[in-house]
N, C-alpha and C. Protein backbone atom coordinates (compact mmCIF):
# COMPACT_ATOMS: atom_id res chain seq x y z
N UNK A 1 31.88 157.20 -60.53
CA UNK A 1 32.96 156.28 -60.23
C UNK A 1 34.18 156.63 -61.09
N UNK A 2 35.31 156.72 -60.46
CA UNK A 2 36.56 157.03 -61.16
C UNK A 2 37.24 155.73 -61.57
N UNK A 3 37.68 155.69 -62.81
CA UNK A 3 38.42 154.52 -63.29
C UNK A 3 39.84 154.57 -62.75
N UNK A 4 40.39 153.42 -62.43
CA UNK A 4 41.71 153.35 -61.78
C UNK A 4 42.89 153.31 -62.73
N UNK A 5 42.66 153.07 -63.99
CA UNK A 5 43.76 152.96 -64.94
C UNK A 5 44.19 151.52 -65.11
N UNK A 6 45.33 151.33 -65.72
CA UNK A 6 45.83 149.99 -66.02
C UNK A 6 46.69 149.45 -64.88
N UNK A 7 46.65 148.13 -64.67
CA UNK A 7 47.62 147.52 -63.76
C UNK A 7 49.01 147.62 -64.38
N UNK A 8 50.03 147.61 -63.56
CA UNK A 8 51.39 147.77 -64.06
C UNK A 8 51.77 146.76 -65.15
N UNK A 9 51.43 145.46 -65.02
CA UNK A 9 51.77 144.52 -66.10
C UNK A 9 51.14 144.90 -67.45
N UNK A 10 49.96 145.50 -67.42
CA UNK A 10 49.34 145.94 -68.68
C UNK A 10 50.08 147.13 -69.28
N UNK A 11 50.60 148.01 -68.44
CA UNK A 11 51.43 149.11 -68.95
C UNK A 11 52.67 148.53 -69.64
N UNK A 12 53.28 147.52 -69.02
CA UNK A 12 54.47 146.89 -69.61
C UNK A 12 54.14 146.30 -70.97
N UNK A 13 53.03 145.54 -71.04
CA UNK A 13 52.62 144.90 -72.29
C UNK A 13 52.29 145.94 -73.36
N UNK A 14 51.55 146.97 -72.98
CA UNK A 14 51.17 148.01 -73.93
C UNK A 14 52.41 148.76 -74.44
N UNK A 15 53.37 149.01 -73.56
CA UNK A 15 54.61 149.65 -73.98
C UNK A 15 55.35 148.81 -75.01
N UNK A 16 55.38 147.51 -74.81
CA UNK A 16 56.04 146.62 -75.77
C UNK A 16 55.33 146.63 -77.11
N UNK A 17 54.01 146.58 -77.07
CA UNK A 17 53.22 146.57 -78.31
C UNK A 17 53.38 147.88 -79.07
N UNK A 18 53.19 149.00 -78.38
CA UNK A 18 53.27 150.30 -79.06
C UNK A 18 54.66 150.57 -79.61
N UNK A 19 55.69 150.17 -78.89
CA UNK A 19 57.04 150.39 -79.40
C UNK A 19 57.33 149.49 -80.60
N UNK A 20 56.77 148.27 -80.60
CA UNK A 20 56.93 147.39 -81.76
C UNK A 20 56.21 147.93 -82.99
N UNK A 21 55.01 148.45 -82.79
CA UNK A 21 54.26 149.05 -83.89
C UNK A 21 55.02 150.25 -84.44
N UNK A 22 55.58 151.07 -83.55
CA UNK A 22 56.34 152.24 -83.99
C UNK A 22 57.55 151.82 -84.83
N UNK A 23 58.25 150.80 -84.38
CA UNK A 23 59.41 150.32 -85.13
C UNK A 23 59.01 149.88 -86.54
N UNK A 24 57.89 149.18 -86.64
CA UNK A 24 57.43 148.73 -87.96
C UNK A 24 57.01 149.91 -88.82
N UNK A 25 56.35 150.90 -88.22
CA UNK A 25 55.95 152.09 -88.99
C UNK A 25 57.17 152.86 -89.50
N UNK A 26 58.22 152.93 -88.70
CA UNK A 26 59.46 153.58 -89.14
C UNK A 26 60.03 152.85 -90.35
N UNK A 27 60.01 151.54 -90.29
CA UNK A 27 60.49 150.73 -91.42
C UNK A 27 59.67 151.03 -92.68
N UNK A 28 58.35 151.06 -92.53
CA UNK A 28 57.48 151.31 -93.68
C UNK A 28 57.64 152.74 -94.19
N UNK A 29 57.87 153.69 -93.29
CA UNK A 29 58.10 155.07 -93.69
C UNK A 29 59.36 155.18 -94.54
N UNK A 30 60.40 154.45 -94.15
CA UNK A 30 61.63 154.44 -94.93
C UNK A 30 61.37 153.89 -96.34
N UNK A 31 60.59 152.83 -96.41
CA UNK A 31 60.23 152.26 -97.70
C UNK A 31 59.51 153.29 -98.57
N UNK A 32 58.53 154.00 -97.99
CA UNK A 32 57.78 155.01 -98.73
C UNK A 32 58.67 156.19 -99.12
N UNK A 33 59.54 156.62 -98.23
CA UNK A 33 60.43 157.75 -98.50
C UNK A 33 61.35 157.45 -99.67
N UNK A 34 61.78 156.20 -99.76
CA UNK A 34 62.66 155.81 -100.87
C UNK A 34 61.91 155.60 -102.17
N UNK A 35 60.58 155.45 -102.11
CA UNK A 35 59.81 155.14 -103.31
C UNK A 35 59.05 156.34 -103.88
N UNK A 36 58.74 157.33 -103.05
CA UNK A 36 57.89 158.44 -103.49
C UNK A 36 58.49 159.78 -103.11
N UNK A 37 58.08 160.85 -103.81
CA UNK A 37 58.59 162.18 -103.47
C UNK A 37 58.09 162.62 -102.08
N UNK A 38 58.83 163.52 -101.47
CA UNK A 38 58.47 164.02 -100.13
C UNK A 38 57.45 165.15 -100.18
N UNK A 39 57.17 165.67 -101.36
CA UNK A 39 56.20 166.75 -101.52
C UNK A 39 55.27 166.42 -102.67
N UNK A 40 54.13 167.10 -102.69
CA UNK A 40 53.16 166.90 -103.76
C UNK A 40 52.16 165.81 -103.42
N UNK A 41 51.24 165.55 -104.34
CA UNK A 41 50.16 164.59 -104.07
C UNK A 41 50.64 163.17 -103.78
N UNK A 42 51.75 162.78 -104.37
CA UNK A 42 52.24 161.41 -104.15
C UNK A 42 52.94 161.25 -102.79
N UNK A 43 53.09 162.35 -102.07
CA UNK A 43 53.68 162.30 -100.73
C UNK A 43 52.62 162.07 -99.66
N UNK A 44 51.35 162.14 -100.02
CA UNK A 44 50.26 162.05 -99.05
C UNK A 44 50.35 160.81 -98.16
N UNK A 45 50.51 159.59 -98.71
CA UNK A 45 50.57 158.41 -97.83
C UNK A 45 51.74 158.48 -96.85
N UNK A 46 52.89 158.93 -97.31
CA UNK A 46 54.05 159.03 -96.44
C UNK A 46 53.79 160.01 -95.31
N UNK A 47 53.16 161.13 -95.63
CA UNK A 47 52.85 162.13 -94.61
C UNK A 47 51.87 161.57 -93.57
N UNK A 48 50.93 160.75 -94.00
CA UNK A 48 49.97 160.16 -93.05
C UNK A 48 50.68 159.16 -92.14
N UNK A 49 51.64 158.42 -92.67
CA UNK A 49 52.41 157.51 -91.82
C UNK A 49 53.22 158.30 -90.81
N UNK A 50 53.81 159.42 -91.24
CA UNK A 50 54.52 160.30 -90.29
C UNK A 50 53.57 160.79 -89.21
N UNK A 51 52.34 161.17 -89.59
CA UNK A 51 51.34 161.61 -88.62
C UNK A 51 50.99 160.49 -87.63
N UNK A 52 50.90 159.27 -88.15
CA UNK A 52 50.58 158.13 -87.29
C UNK A 52 51.70 157.90 -86.26
N UNK A 53 52.94 158.03 -86.69
CA UNK A 53 54.08 157.86 -85.78
C UNK A 53 54.04 158.95 -84.71
N UNK A 54 53.75 160.17 -85.12
CA UNK A 54 53.67 161.27 -84.16
C UNK A 54 52.53 161.05 -83.16
N UNK A 55 51.38 160.59 -83.63
CA UNK A 55 50.25 160.31 -82.73
C UNK A 55 50.59 159.18 -81.76
N UNK A 56 51.27 158.16 -82.26
CA UNK A 56 51.69 157.05 -81.42
C UNK A 56 52.66 157.53 -80.34
N UNK A 57 53.61 158.39 -80.71
CA UNK A 57 54.54 158.95 -79.74
C UNK A 57 53.82 159.77 -78.68
N UNK A 58 52.82 160.56 -79.09
CA UNK A 58 52.03 161.34 -78.14
C UNK A 58 51.31 160.42 -77.15
N UNK A 59 50.73 159.34 -77.65
CA UNK A 59 50.03 158.39 -76.79
C UNK A 59 50.99 157.73 -75.81
N UNK A 60 52.17 157.35 -76.28
CA UNK A 60 53.16 156.71 -75.40
C UNK A 60 53.60 157.65 -74.28
N UNK A 61 53.82 158.93 -74.63
CA UNK A 61 54.22 159.90 -73.60
C UNK A 61 53.12 160.06 -72.55
N UNK A 62 51.87 160.16 -73.00
CA UNK A 62 50.75 160.32 -72.07
C UNK A 62 50.60 159.08 -71.19
N UNK A 63 50.68 157.90 -71.80
CA UNK A 63 50.55 156.67 -71.02
C UNK A 63 51.69 156.51 -70.02
N UNK A 64 52.88 156.95 -70.39
CA UNK A 64 54.00 156.89 -69.45
C UNK A 64 53.71 157.77 -68.23
N UNK A 65 53.15 158.97 -68.47
CA UNK A 65 52.79 159.85 -67.34
C UNK A 65 51.72 159.19 -66.46
N UNK A 66 50.72 158.55 -67.11
CA UNK A 66 49.68 157.86 -66.34
C UNK A 66 50.30 156.76 -65.49
N UNK A 67 51.22 156.01 -66.08
CA UNK A 67 51.86 154.91 -65.36
C UNK A 67 52.60 155.42 -64.14
N UNK A 68 53.33 156.51 -64.29
CA UNK A 68 54.08 157.08 -63.17
C UNK A 68 53.12 157.52 -62.06
N UNK A 69 51.99 158.12 -62.45
CA UNK A 69 51.00 158.53 -61.46
C UNK A 69 50.35 157.33 -60.76
N UNK A 70 50.07 156.28 -61.53
CA UNK A 70 49.37 155.12 -61.01
C UNK A 70 50.27 154.15 -60.24
N UNK A 71 51.53 154.05 -60.66
CA UNK A 71 52.45 153.06 -60.08
C UNK A 71 53.84 153.69 -59.87
N UNK A 72 53.92 154.72 -59.03
CA UNK A 72 55.20 155.44 -58.88
C UNK A 72 56.34 154.58 -58.35
N UNK A 73 56.02 153.52 -57.62
CA UNK A 73 57.07 152.69 -57.03
C UNK A 73 57.71 151.72 -58.01
N UNK A 74 57.03 151.40 -59.14
CA UNK A 74 57.58 150.42 -60.08
C UNK A 74 57.71 150.94 -61.51
N UNK A 75 57.16 152.11 -61.81
CA UNK A 75 57.23 152.65 -63.17
C UNK A 75 58.68 152.91 -63.57
N UNK A 76 58.97 152.65 -64.83
CA UNK A 76 60.33 152.82 -65.35
C UNK A 76 60.25 153.37 -66.76
N UNK A 77 61.22 154.17 -67.15
CA UNK A 77 61.24 154.75 -68.50
C UNK A 77 61.24 153.68 -69.58
N UNK A 78 61.81 152.51 -69.28
CA UNK A 78 61.88 151.44 -70.27
C UNK A 78 60.55 150.72 -70.47
N UNK A 79 59.56 151.04 -69.65
CA UNK A 79 58.25 150.39 -69.81
C UNK A 79 57.60 150.80 -71.13
N UNK A 80 57.68 152.06 -71.48
CA UNK A 80 57.12 152.52 -72.76
C UNK A 80 58.18 152.77 -73.83
N UNK A 81 59.43 152.69 -73.45
CA UNK A 81 60.54 152.86 -74.40
C UNK A 81 61.53 151.73 -74.21
N UNK A 82 61.08 150.48 -74.46
CA UNK A 82 61.96 149.33 -74.21
C UNK A 82 63.06 149.19 -75.26
N UNK A 83 64.09 148.46 -74.87
CA UNK A 83 65.14 148.11 -75.82
C UNK A 83 64.54 147.24 -76.92
N UNK A 84 65.25 147.15 -78.05
CA UNK A 84 64.76 146.40 -79.21
C UNK A 84 64.29 144.99 -78.85
N UNK A 85 65.06 144.29 -78.02
CA UNK A 85 64.73 142.89 -77.73
C UNK A 85 63.46 142.73 -76.89
N UNK A 86 62.96 143.83 -76.31
CA UNK A 86 61.74 143.75 -75.51
C UNK A 86 60.52 144.33 -76.22
N UNK A 87 60.69 144.74 -77.47
CA UNK A 87 59.56 145.27 -78.23
C UNK A 87 58.78 144.13 -78.87
N UNK A 88 57.47 144.30 -78.99
CA UNK A 88 56.66 143.32 -79.70
C UNK A 88 57.06 143.32 -81.16
N UNK A 89 56.96 142.18 -81.79
CA UNK A 89 57.28 142.04 -83.20
C UNK A 89 55.98 142.05 -83.99
N UNK A 90 55.91 142.92 -84.97
CA UNK A 90 54.74 142.97 -85.84
C UNK A 90 54.98 141.96 -86.95
N UNK A 91 54.08 141.01 -87.07
CA UNK A 91 54.24 139.98 -88.09
C UNK A 91 53.71 140.49 -89.42
N UNK A 92 54.59 140.54 -90.39
CA UNK A 92 54.28 141.05 -91.71
C UNK A 92 54.50 139.94 -92.72
N UNK A 93 53.55 139.73 -93.67
CA UNK A 93 53.79 138.72 -94.70
C UNK A 93 55.08 139.04 -95.45
N UNK A 94 55.88 138.02 -95.80
CA UNK A 94 57.17 138.27 -96.45
C UNK A 94 57.05 138.88 -97.84
N UNK A 95 55.93 138.66 -98.52
CA UNK A 95 55.76 139.26 -99.85
C UNK A 95 54.27 139.29 -100.16
N UNK A 96 53.86 140.03 -101.16
CA UNK A 96 52.44 140.09 -101.51
C UNK A 96 51.89 138.70 -101.77
N UNK A 97 50.68 138.47 -101.28
CA UNK A 97 50.03 137.18 -101.49
C UNK A 97 50.41 136.13 -100.48
N UNK A 98 51.25 136.46 -99.49
CA UNK A 98 51.69 135.46 -98.53
C UNK A 98 50.74 135.33 -97.34
N UNK A 99 49.68 136.14 -97.29
CA UNK A 99 48.73 136.04 -96.20
C UNK A 99 48.02 134.70 -96.24
N UNK A 100 47.60 134.23 -95.09
CA UNK A 100 46.90 132.94 -95.01
C UNK A 100 45.65 132.99 -95.89
N UNK A 101 45.43 131.94 -96.66
CA UNK A 101 44.25 131.84 -97.49
C UNK A 101 44.37 132.52 -98.85
N UNK A 102 45.51 133.11 -99.14
CA UNK A 102 45.68 133.78 -100.44
C UNK A 102 46.63 132.96 -101.30
N UNK A 103 46.41 133.05 -102.59
CA UNK A 103 47.30 132.38 -103.53
C UNK A 103 48.66 133.06 -103.49
N UNK A 104 49.74 132.32 -103.61
CA UNK A 104 51.06 132.93 -103.66
C UNK A 104 51.20 133.89 -104.82
N UNK A 105 51.98 134.93 -104.62
CA UNK A 105 52.23 135.95 -105.63
C UNK A 105 52.79 135.30 -106.89
N UNK A 106 52.21 135.67 -108.04
CA UNK A 106 52.70 135.17 -109.31
C UNK A 106 51.98 133.94 -109.83
N UNK A 107 51.10 133.37 -109.04
CA UNK A 107 50.37 132.17 -109.51
C UNK A 107 49.10 132.56 -110.19
């Protein structure tokens, strides 16, 4: 049995989520780039985040091709590359210790 792929609304939702995650990773990469050297052992975490962004981009390109094959009449480039206002927002605690159930930072 051949799997049919995702329905078009799921492609739209997945595109919003993946683009939102990418935006947050870019933000975190900037933070790391400003805090650590770009080479040497202390660059390892930053390089892994760069790798994650590249892998995410590869997945988005592949999924966009699948969407065009599966739904040629409604697929759109903005489905996997939406404008900022259509990207999912990754909720990040405002500061260390702000996660639910944790004591506030400094207490």
